[in-house]
Amino acid sequence: MTDIRIRKGHNIKISGAPKPEIITGERPAKVALVPVEFRYVKPKLLVKEGDVVQLGAPLFFDKRNPQVRWASPGGGTVSKIQFGPRRVIEKVVVALDREEETFTVPVYDQDSLSSLDRGRIIETLLKASLWPLIRQRPFNKIANPDDKPKAIFVSGLNTAPLTVDLDLALEGQERSFQAGLTVLNQLTDGAVHLTIPSKSRQPALTGAENVVLHRISGPHPAGNVGIQIHHIDPINPGDVVWTVTAQQVVILGKLFLTGRFDPTIIVSVGGPSVKNPIHVRTRMGVALETLLSDQLKEGDHRILSGDVLTGRKAGIDGYLGFYDTTVSAIPVNKQRPFLGWLRLGSKKTIYTLTRAYAAFGHERFDFTTKKNGSARALVPINAWEEVLPMDILPNPLYRSILARDVEEMEKLGILECDEEDFALCTFACPSKINLGRAIRQGLDLMEKEI
């Protein structure tokens, strides 16, 4: 076991942190998949409105790789298929039946999982339409079943604001979590790397077998899998690394142990706009109105599927993203305070740069949508470098992206990057430059070239 200490970064102290307890949410009336959130995928429908589908039955597939399909997170009737411009599929909604029928696959016992061959595991995941749970670096896109990764990474801690406490979420899931890790171990000739908090006492994490354990500590983005890959086994040209979230490892384990897709997950609901921030036991693709019923304070709020740094604006009528386990609600603020971010602030005022980096006390702040400034010329004062725990030069990399210089981007390490790893740079930037978005634009350009 190795110990990794992340020194650069920052924990944003936002009010409305979820309480360390879990409640069982009300049964949702509908769930949905949002195909537009999957990168480099051209979805083609396998259902139409009015069709009755089983839990786990495929709803659509990728025209670029037809063997990759997406399982329905609920059993019931396809109530709505929403199209956007140029007939892009934006949303597939399933109204749940009271008694849900479930699509099944063969069942394996715990002892036999370690002897399953790689081909059988991939066949089972493709048949169950759960292959999209596995993503790859570079590009942070859905993995190609025909590739063999040099390693697989699972992050056992979340450090982004208001996110799920995985020690809490994995309570009682030791057997399924271990089954998922065992299955992943058969998919690579390299190691399955599991990172856990330095002070974790969760048996599912500390007692995990068939993995290489790493204890990690430090501020956000220490919990980002991209940061962990950089410090443990960096990506070199030609390398492919797969990643799976901790709760989705549990889903994989349950699939092989029970033969069924169990979409149950623990979701954190928090933020300054939430009356009772809490962890909720619900399911993938849940309607956000189910989680936020009677939870929002008065006023105008922005509802995000995901955390405040990387989440997707979804609205109260939206749905939880496929990979998301956090719902954030923050007030919409359109006021323009005098001096903005240069204000010294107080315990009750906005989250200012002064208070963010001087770290006065441990007060939490009523974070809002306000940027406290607009885009301006780049100010080279090392604001990005101070919060980026990677051996990468963000300023030259940003300039090479603007110049669309593919060779220079590759030399500067863009294939190791993902926008979530640079989200804190965007937050800290005095010039209000969205560096995360620029990184994604560079990656999109590289993906086309490759």
Protein backbone atom coordinates (compact mmCIF):
# COMPACT_ATOMS: atom_id res chain seq x y z
CA MET A 1 0.00 0.00 0.00
CA THR A 2 1.30 3.47 -0.90
CA ASP A 3 0.52 6.80 0.72
CA ILE A 4 -0.06 9.77 -1.58
CA ARG A 5 -0.22 13.32 -0.26
CA ILE A 6 -1.80 15.90 -2.59
CA ARG A 7 -0.61 19.38 -1.56
CA LYS A 8 -1.99 21.63 -4.28
CA GLY A 9 -5.72 22.25 -4.51
CA HIS A 10 -8.48 23.75 -2.41
CA ASN A 11 -11.60 22.57 -0.58
CA ILE A 12 -14.41 25.01 -1.30
CA LYS A 13 -16.43 25.45 1.88
CA ILE A 14 -20.01 25.65 0.60
CA SER A 15 -22.96 25.71 2.97
CA GLY A 16 -25.54 22.97 2.69
CA ALA A 17 -23.16 20.02 3.04
CA PRO A 18 -25.14 16.73 3.20
CA LYS A 19 -25.54 15.19 6.65
CA PRO A 20 -23.66 11.91 7.23
CA GLU A 21 -26.81 9.79 7.21
CA ILE A 22 -28.92 8.09 4.56
CA ILE A 23 -32.67 8.30 4.07
CA THR A 24 -34.66 6.21 1.63
CA GLY A 25 -36.19 8.47 -0.99
CA GLU A 26 -39.70 8.12 -2.29
CA ARG A 27 -40.18 5.77 -5.19
CA PRO A 28 -39.83 7.78 -8.39
CA ALA A 29 -42.63 7.82 -10.94
CA LYS A 30 -40.21 8.09 -13.85
CA VAL A 31 -36.55 7.79 -14.76
CA ALA A 32 -34.59 8.77 -17.84
CA LEU A 33 -31.38 8.46 -19.79
CA VAL A 34 -29.87 11.56 -21.42
CA PRO A 35 -27.90 10.39 -24.49
CA VAL A 36 -26.35 13.80 -25.15
CA GLU A 37 -24.18 13.46 -22.03
CA PHE A 38 -22.15 10.62 -23.58
CA ARG A 39 -19.13 11.85 -25.53
CA TYR A 40 -18.38 10.72 -29.08
CA VAL A 41 -21.53 8.57 -29.18
CA LYS A 42 -24.13 8.51 -31.97
CA PRO A 43 -27.22 7.01 -30.33
CA LYS A 44 -29.81 5.04 -32.26
CA LEU A 45 -33.09 4.16 -30.58
CA LEU A 46 -34.20 0.60 -29.93
CA VAL A 47 -37.58 1.69 -28.55
CA LYS A 48 -40.39 4.09 -29.38
CA GLU A 49 -42.93 5.95 -27.28
CA GLY A 50 -45.49 3.59 -25.79
CA ASP A 51 -43.19 0.55 -25.72
CA VAL A 52 -43.06 -1.50 -22.52
CA VAL A 53 -39.49 -2.19 -21.38
CA GLN A 54 -37.91 -4.27 -18.63
CA LEU A 55 -35.50 -2.94 -16.05
CA GLY A 56 -32.13 -3.48 -17.72
CA ALA A 57 -33.50 -3.79 -21.26
CA PRO A 58 -31.57 -1.72 -23.85
CA LEU A 59 -33.03 1.66 -24.86
CA PHE A 60 -30.50 2.70 -27.50
CA PHE A 61 -27.09 1.77 -28.90
CA ASP A 62 -24.07 3.54 -30.34
CA LYS A 63 -24.05 3.54 -34.15
CA ARG A 64 -20.26 3.81 -34.07
CA ASN A 65 -20.00 0.69 -31.91
CA PRO A 66 -23.32 -1.21 -32.11
CA GLN A 67 -22.40 -3.76 -29.43
CA VAL A 68 -22.47 -0.98 -26.78
CA ARG A 69 -26.02 -0.43 -25.51
CA TRP A 70 -27.60 1.43 -22.60
CA ALA A 71 -29.84 -0.32 -20.08
CA SER A 72 -33.12 1.15 -18.91
CA PRO A 73 -32.82 2.23 -15.23
CA GLY A 74 -36.43 1.18 -14.70
CA GLY A 75 -39.16 -1.14 -15.93
CA GLY A 76 -42.29 0.40 -17.39
CA THR A 77 -43.51 2.34 -20.42
CA VAL A 78 -41.43 4.64 -22.60
CA SER A 79 -43.47 7.78 -21.98
CA LYS A 80 -41.38 10.37 -23.82
CA ILE A 81 -38.54 10.60 -26.31
CA GLN A 82 -37.32 14.16 -26.64
CA PHE A 83 -35.47 15.27 -29.74
CA GLY A 84 -33.35 18.38 -30.18
CA PRO A 85 -32.03 20.16 -33.28
CA ARG A 86 -31.24 17.85 -36.20
CA ARG A 87 -33.19 15.08 -34.46
CA VAL A 88 -30.53 14.60 -31.78
CA ILE A 89 -31.92 12.34 -29.04
CA GLU A 90 -31.89 14.43 -25.87
CA LYS A 91 -33.90 12.33 -23.45
CA VAL A 92 -35.58 8.92 -23.14
CA VAL A 93 -38.10 8.85 -20.27
CA VAL A 94 -39.55 5.67 -18.75
CA ALA A 95 -42.69 5.81 -16.58
CA LEU A 96 -42.21 3.09 -13.97
CA ASP A 97 -44.65 0.23 -13.38
CA ARG A 98 -45.55 -0.69 -9.82
CA GLU A 99 -44.21 -4.18 -10.46
CA GLU A 100 -41.12 -3.89 -12.65
CA GLU A 101 -40.03 -6.79 -14.82
CA THR A 102 -36.27 -7.28 -14.95
CA PHE A 103 -33.93 -8.39 -17.72
CA THR A 104 -31.64 -11.18 -16.46
CA VAL A 105 -28.24 -12.68 -17.28
CA PRO A 106 -26.43 -15.77 -15.89
CA VAL A 107 -25.61 -15.80 -12.16
CA TYR A 108 -22.16 -16.57 -10.71
CA ASP A 109 -21.10 -17.25 -7.16
CA GLN A 110 -18.37 -15.24 -5.46
CA ASP A 111 -15.75 -18.00 -5.66
CA SER A 112 -16.14 -18.55 -9.41
CA LEU A 113 -15.69 -14.89 -10.38
CA SER A 114 -11.90 -15.02 -10.17
CA SER A 115 -11.83 -17.88 -12.70
CA LEU A 116 -14.12 -16.23 -15.27
CA ASP A 117 -12.33 -15.52 -18.52
CA ARG A 118 -12.20 -12.01 -19.92
CA GLY A 119 -14.36 -12.83 -22.93
CA ARG A 120 -17.21 -14.17 -20.77
CA ILE A 121 -17.18 -11.06 -18.59
CA ILE A 122 -17.29 -8.70 -21.55
CA GLU A 123 -20.05 -10.78 -23.15
CA THR A 124 -22.12 -10.56 -19.93
CA LEU A 125 -21.65 -6.80 -19.60
CA LEU A 126 -22.60 -6.23 -23.22
CA LYS A 127 -25.64 -8.50 -22.93
CA ALA A 128 -26.75 -6.66 -19.79
CA SER A 129 -26.24 -3.32 -21.59
CA LEU A 130 -24.02 -2.10 -18.73
CA TRP A 131 -20.77 -1.67 -20.63
CA PRO A 132 -21.12 2.17 -20.50
CA LEU A 133 -20.30 1.98 -16.77
CA ILE A 134 -16.67 1.59 -17.84
CA ARG A 135 -14.89 4.66 -19.18
CA GLN A 136 -11.41 5.14 -20.56
CA ARG A 137 -8.61 7.66 -20.43
CA PRO A 138 -7.55 9.46 -22.51
CA PHE A 139 -10.68 11.45 -23.49
CA ASN A 140 -12.82 10.15 -20.57
CA LYS A 141 -15.16 8.41 -22.99
CA ILE A 142 -16.87 5.03 -22.92
CA ALA A 143 -14.29 2.25 -23.14
CA ASN A 144 -13.92 0.13 -26.25
CA PRO A 145 -14.55 -3.57 -25.42
CA ASP A 146 -11.91 -4.54 -27.98
CA ASP A 147 -9.15 -2.68 -26.11
CA LYS A 148 -7.10 -4.13 -23.27
CA PRO A 149 -6.23 -1.46 -20.69
CA LYS A 150 -2.85 -1.29 -19.01
CA ALA A 151 -4.65 -0.66 -15.69
CA ILE A 152 -8.07 0.04 -14.18
CA PHE A 153 -8.65 2.77 -11.60
CA VAL A 154 -11.39 3.07 -8.98
CA SER A 155 -11.51 6.16 -6.77
CA GLY A 156 -12.75 5.43 -3.28
CA LEU A 157 -13.09 9.04 -2.19
CA ASN A 158 -14.90 12.17 -3.30
CA THR A 159 -13.38 15.57 -2.60
CA ALA A 160 -15.54 17.84 -4.80
CA PRO A 161 -17.99 20.12 -2.95
CA LEU A 162 -21.21 18.55 -1.59
CA THR A 163 -20.44 15.10 -3.00
CA VAL A 164 -21.29 11.68 -1.58
CA ASP A 165 -19.38 10.31 1.39
CA LEU A 166 -18.28 6.95 -0.03
CA ASP A 167 -17.51 5.51 3.39
CA LEU A 168 -21.22 6.00 4.07
CA ALA A 169 -22.46 4.93 0.62
CA LEU A 170 -20.54 1.62 0.67
CA GLU A 171 -21.80 0.60 4.12
CA GLY A 172 -23.22 -2.92 3.82
CA GLN A 173 -22.02 -3.29 0.21
CA GLU A 174 -18.78 -5.12 0.97
CA ARG A 175 -19.71 -8.34 -0.85
CA SER A 176 -20.97 -6.66 -4.03
CA PHE A 177 -18.08 -4.18 -4.09
CA GLN A 178 -15.52 -6.99 -3.83
CA ALA A 179 -17.32 -8.95 -6.56
CA GLY A 180 -17.12 -5.92 -8.83
CA LEU A 181 -13.40 -5.49 -8.16
CA THR A 182 -12.78 -9.18 -8.87
CA VAL A 183 -14.58 -8.88 -12.20
CA LEU A 184 -12.57 -5.78 -13.14
CA ASN A 185 -9.35 -7.58 -12.24
CA GLN A 186 -10.07 -10.13 -14.99
CA LEU A 187 -10.34 -7.38 -17.62
CA THR A 188 -6.70 -6.24 -17.48
CA ASP A 189 -3.26 -7.82 -17.41
CA GLY A 190 -2.18 -4.90 -15.24
CA ALA A 191 -3.42 -3.83 -11.83
CA VAL A 192 -6.75 -2.60 -10.51
CA HIS A 193 -5.79 0.48 -8.49
CA LEU A 194 -8.14 1.41 -5.64
CA THR A 195 -7.56 4.73 -3.89
CA ILE A 196 -9.05 5.23 -0.43
CA PRO A 197 -9.06 8.13 2.06
CA SER A 198 -6.06 8.12 4.38
CA LYS A 199 -8.33 7.84 7.44
CA SER A 200 -10.97 5.50 5.98
CA ARG A 201 -12.36 2.78 8.21
CA GLN A 202 -14.83 1.44 5.65
CA PRO A 203 -14.30 -2.37 5.39
CA ALA A 204 -15.34 -2.43 1.73
CA LEU A 205 -12.38 -0.15 0.96
CA THR A 206 -9.72 -1.12 3.50
CA GLY A 207 -10.36 -4.86 3.12
CA ALA A 208 -10.56 -4.96 -0.68
CA GLU A 209 -8.76 -7.85 -2.37
CA ASN A 210 -7.39 -8.36 -5.90
CA VAL A 211 -6.42 -4.68 -6.03
CA VAL A 212 -3.46 -2.42 -5.37
CA LEU A 213 -4.46 -0.13 -2.49
CA HIS A 214 -3.36 3.49 -2.26
CA ARG A 215 -4.15 5.79 0.66
CA ILE A 216 -4.56 9.36 -0.50
CA SER A 217 -5.00 12.64 1.36
CA GLY A 218 -5.15 16.31 0.52
CA PRO A 219 -7.59 18.90 -0.81
CA HIS A 220 -9.74 18.71 -3.90
CA PRO A 221 -9.05 17.49 -6.62
CA ALA A 222 -7.35 14.63 -4.75
CA GLY A 223 -10.48 12.51 -5.27
CA ASN A 224 -10.45 12.91 -9.07
CA VAL A 225 -9.41 9.71 -10.79
CA GLY A 226 -7.37 11.69 -13.32
CA ILE A 227 -5.21 13.15 -10.56
CA GLN A 228 -4.75 9.69 -9.08
CA ILE A 229 -3.71 8.20 -12.44
CA HIS A 230 -1.17 11.02 -12.83
CA HIS A 231 0.46 10.24 -9.47
CA ILE A 232 0.26 6.43 -9.58
CA ASP A 233 0.62 5.25 -13.19
CA PRO A 234 0.73 8.14 -15.70
CA ILE A 235 -0.67 7.73 -19.18
CA ASN A 236 1.95 7.54 -21.90
CA PRO A 237 1.31 7.86 -25.66
CA GLY A 238 -0.60 4.79 -26.81
CA ASP A 239 -1.76 3.81 -23.32
CA VAL A 240 -5.39 3.09 -22.44
CA VAL A 241 -6.60 3.18 -18.84
CA TRP A 242 -10.13 2.29 -17.74
CA THR A 243 -12.01 3.87 -14.84
CA VAL A 244 -15.16 2.95 -12.90
CA THR A 245 -16.83 4.89 -10.09
CA ALA A 246 -17.04 3.18 -6.69
CA GLN A 247 -20.83 2.90 -6.62
CA GLN A 248 -20.91 1.53 -10.14
CA VAL A 249 -18.40 -1.15 -9.09
CA VAL A 250 -21.15 -2.25 -6.67
CA ILE A 251 -23.62 -2.37 -9.57
CA LEU A 252 -21.22 -4.53 -11.59
CA GLY A 253 -20.78 -6.87 -8.62
CA LYS A 254 -24.52 -7.24 -8.10
CA LEU A 255 -25.02 -8.01 -11.79
CA PHE A 256 -22.74 -11.06 -11.61
CA LEU A 257 -23.97 -12.22 -8.19
CA THR A 258 -27.71 -11.86 -8.88
CA GLY A 259 -27.97 -11.79 -12.67
CA ARG A 260 -29.89 -8.50 -12.47
CA PHE A 261 -29.19 -4.81 -12.98
CA ASP A 262 -29.78 -3.05 -9.65
CA PRO A 263 -29.78 0.73 -10.33
CA THR A 264 -29.85 1.64 -6.63
CA ILE A 265 -27.33 4.35 -5.65
CA ILE A 266 -26.74 6.80 -2.82
CA VAL A 267 -27.11 10.43 -3.94
CA SER A 268 -26.09 13.53 -2.01
CA VAL A 269 -28.56 16.43 -2.17
CA GLY A 270 -27.05 19.68 -0.94
CA GLY A 271 -26.21 23.31 -1.44
CA PRO A 272 -27.25 26.68 0.03
CA SER A 273 -30.70 26.38 -1.57
CA VAL A 274 -31.56 23.06 0.11
CA LYS A 275 -33.52 23.03 3.38
CA ASN A 276 -32.33 19.63 4.59
CA PRO A 277 -29.08 18.51 2.89
CA ILE A 278 -28.93 14.75 3.09
CA HIS A 279 -27.82 11.49 1.46
CA VAL A 280 -30.70 9.73 -0.30
CA ARG A 281 -31.01 6.09 -1.37
CA THR A 282 -32.58 6.25 -4.84
CA ARG A 283 -31.77 5.00 -8.36
CA MET A 284 -29.87 6.00 -11.46
CA GLY A 285 -31.65 8.40 -13.80
CA VAL A 286 -34.13 9.55 -11.15
CA ALA A 287 -36.24 12.64 -11.81
CA LEU A 288 -34.74 15.52 -9.82
CA GLU A 289 -38.17 16.72 -8.74
CA THR A 290 -38.43 13.47 -6.74
CA LEU A 291 -35.26 14.29 -4.81
CA LEU A 292 -36.03 17.98 -4.35
CA SER A 293 -39.72 17.76 -3.44
CA ASP A 294 -40.31 20.28 -0.61
CA GLN A 295 -36.53 20.67 -0.30
CA LEU A 296 -35.90 24.03 -2.00
CA LYS A 297 -35.94 27.34 -0.18
CA GLU A 298 -37.85 30.30 -1.61
CA GLY A 299 -36.32 32.16 -4.52
CA ASP A 300 -34.63 31.46 -7.84
CA HIS A 301 -32.23 28.52 -7.84
CA ARG A 302 -29.94 26.70 -10.25
CA ILE A 303 -30.28 22.92 -10.08
CA LEU A 304 -27.26 20.89 -11.12
CA SER A 305 -26.85 17.20 -11.77
CA GLY A 306 -23.37 16.86 -10.32
CA ASP A 307 -21.21 19.11 -8.16
CA VAL A 308 -20.90 22.89 -8.48
CA LEU A 309 -17.58 22.67 -10.36
CA THR A 310 -18.43 20.13 -13.05
CA GLY A 311 -22.19 19.55 -12.84
CA ARG A 312 -24.68 19.89 -15.67
CA LYS A 313 -27.49 22.45 -15.43
CA ALA A 314 -30.59 20.28 -15.31
CA GLY A 315 -33.43 22.23 -13.67
CA ILE A 316 -36.13 20.89 -11.38
CA ASP A 317 -37.69 19.04 -14.32
CA GLY A 318 -34.39 17.34 -15.24
CA TYR A 319 -32.93 13.92 -14.46
CA LEU A 320 -29.86 12.64 -12.68
CA GLY A 321 -26.93 12.09 -15.04
CA PHE A 322 -25.71 8.56 -15.77
CA TYR A 323 -22.45 8.99 -13.84
CA ASP A 324 -23.69 11.53 -11.28
CA THR A 325 -24.32 10.85 -7.61
CA THR A 326 -24.72 14.48 -6.49
CA VAL A 327 -27.52 17.02 -6.87
CA SER A 328 -26.49 20.61 -6.10
CA ALA A 329 -28.84 23.57 -5.68
CA ILE A 330 -27.41 27.09 -5.45
CA PRO A 331 -29.13 30.52 -5.47
CA VAL A 332 -29.16 32.56 -8.66
CA ASN A 333 -27.51 35.91 -7.92
CA LYS A 334 -27.63 38.74 -10.44
CA GLN A 335 -26.49 41.56 -8.16
CA ARG A 336 -23.17 43.37 -8.67
CA PRO A 337 -21.50 44.06 -5.31
CA PHE A 338 -18.92 46.83 -5.04
CA LEU A 339 -15.34 45.51 -5.62
CA GLY A 340 -16.70 41.99 -6.13
CA TRP A 341 -14.07 39.33 -5.42
CA LEU A 342 -11.66 41.83 -3.85
CA ARG A 343 -14.02 42.44 -0.98
CA LEU A 344 -12.69 41.18 2.33
CA GLY A 345 -16.06 39.69 3.18
CA SER A 346 -17.34 38.27 6.43
CA LYS A 347 -18.86 35.08 7.78
CA LYS A 348 -22.16 35.85 6.07
CA THR A 349 -21.02 37.31 2.74
CA ILE A 350 -20.06 35.89 -0.61
CA TYR A 351 -17.20 33.45 -1.13
CA THR A 352 -14.36 35.87 -1.93
CA LEU A 353 -10.86 35.17 -3.20
CA THR A 354 -9.44 36.75 -0.06
CA ARG A 355 -11.32 34.41 2.24
CA ALA A 356 -10.91 31.43 -0.07
CA TYR A 357 -7.13 31.48 0.01
CA ALA A 358 -6.45 33.10 3.38
CA ALA A 359 -8.61 30.27 4.83
CA PHE A 360 -9.97 32.28 7.77
CA GLY A 361 -11.70 29.78 10.05
CA HIS A 362 -13.92 26.97 8.90
CA GLU A 363 -17.09 28.87 8.03
CA ARG A 364 -19.15 27.65 5.12
CA PHE A 365 -20.43 30.12 2.56
CA ASP A 366 -23.71 30.65 0.75
CA PHE A 367 -22.21 29.96 -2.66
CA THR A 368 -24.20 31.44 -5.59
CA THR A 369 -24.11 31.49 -9.39
CA LYS A 370 -22.31 34.83 -9.39
CA LYS A 371 -18.90 34.89 -11.07
CA ASN A 372 -17.95 38.29 -9.59
CA GLY A 373 -16.43 39.45 -12.83
CA SER A 374 -16.32 38.84 -16.56
CA ALA A 375 -13.79 37.39 -18.96
CA ARG A 376 -10.67 39.51 -19.41
CA ALA A 377 -7.03 39.25 -20.50
CA LEU A 378 -5.09 36.37 -19.00
CA VAL A 379 -3.30 37.40 -15.80
CA PRO A 380 -0.16 35.23 -15.34
CA ILE A 381 -0.02 35.14 -11.51
CA ASN A 382 0.12 31.32 -11.19
CA ALA A 383 -3.49 31.06 -10.02
CA TRP A 384 -3.94 27.89 -12.10
CA GLU A 385 -0.66 26.34 -11.03
CA GLU A 386 -1.45 26.79 -7.32
CA VAL A 387 -4.51 24.52 -7.46
CA LEU A 388 -3.46 21.97 -10.12
CA PRO A 389 -1.63 18.97 -8.57
CA MET A 390 -0.28 17.72 -11.91
CA ASP A 391 3.13 18.04 -13.52
CA ILE A 392 1.55 19.92 -16.42
CA LEU A 393 1.97 23.55 -17.51
CA PRO A 394 -1.62 24.82 -17.81
CA ASN A 395 -0.77 28.24 -19.26
CA PRO A 396 1.23 26.99 -22.28
CA LEU A 397 -1.28 24.16 -22.74
CA TYR A 398 -4.15 26.66 -22.88
CA ARG A 399 -2.31 28.76 -25.45
CA SER A 400 -1.60 25.71 -27.63
CA ILE A 401 -5.32 24.84 -27.55
CA LEU A 402 -6.20 28.37 -28.69
CA ALA A 403 -3.68 27.98 -31.52
CA ARG A 404 -5.11 24.51 -32.37
CA ASP A 405 -1.54 23.18 -32.35
CA VAL A 406 -2.15 19.44 -31.99
CA GLU A 407 1.51 18.47 -31.75
CA GLU A 408 2.21 21.03 -29.04
CA MET A 409 -0.90 19.96 -27.09
CA GLU A 410 0.31 16.36 -27.09
CA LYS A 411 3.82 17.37 -25.99
CA LEU A 412 2.31 19.36 -23.09
CA GLY A 413 0.38 16.32 -21.87
CA ILE A 414 -3.22 16.95 -22.89
CA LEU A 415 -3.92 13.22 -23.24
CA GLU A 416 -3.52 12.94 -19.46
CA CYS A 417 -6.08 15.67 -18.89
CA ASP A 418 -9.82 15.95 -18.47
CA GLU A 419 -11.90 19.04 -17.82
CA GLU A 420 -12.91 17.91 -14.33
CA ASP A 421 -9.25 18.02 -13.26
CA PHE A 422 -9.06 21.70 -14.32
CA ALA A 423 -12.41 22.79 -12.89
CA LEU A 424 -10.72 24.24 -9.80
CA CYS A 425 -8.45 26.27 -12.08
CA THR A 426 -11.57 27.79 -13.61
CA PHE A 427 -12.88 28.62 -10.12
CA ALA A 428 -9.58 30.23 -9.08
CA CYS A 429 -8.97 32.12 -12.33
CA PRO A 430 -8.94 35.92 -11.81
CA SER A 431 -9.50 36.33 -15.56
CA LYS A 432 -12.70 34.22 -15.48
CA ILE A 433 -11.34 31.89 -18.17
CA ASN A 434 -13.11 28.54 -18.37
CA LEU A 435 -9.99 26.41 -18.56
CA GLY A 436 -11.96 23.18 -18.17
CA ARG A 437 -14.00 23.96 -21.27
CA ALA A 438 -10.81 24.78 -23.19
CA ILE A 439 -9.28 21.43 -22.16
CA ARG A 440 -12.36 19.62 -23.51
CA GLN A 441 -12.11 21.56 -26.80
CA GLY A 442 -8.50 20.49 -27.09
CA LEU A 443 -9.38 16.87 -26.34
CA ASP A 444 -12.16 16.92 -28.93
CA LEU A 445 -9.69 18.19 -31.50
CA MET A 446 -7.18 15.49 -30.55
CA GLU A 447 -9.85 12.78 -30.74
CA LYS A 448 -10.69 13.79 -34.30
CA GLU A 449 -7.04 13.77 -35.28
CA ILE A 450 -6.39 10.34 -33.72
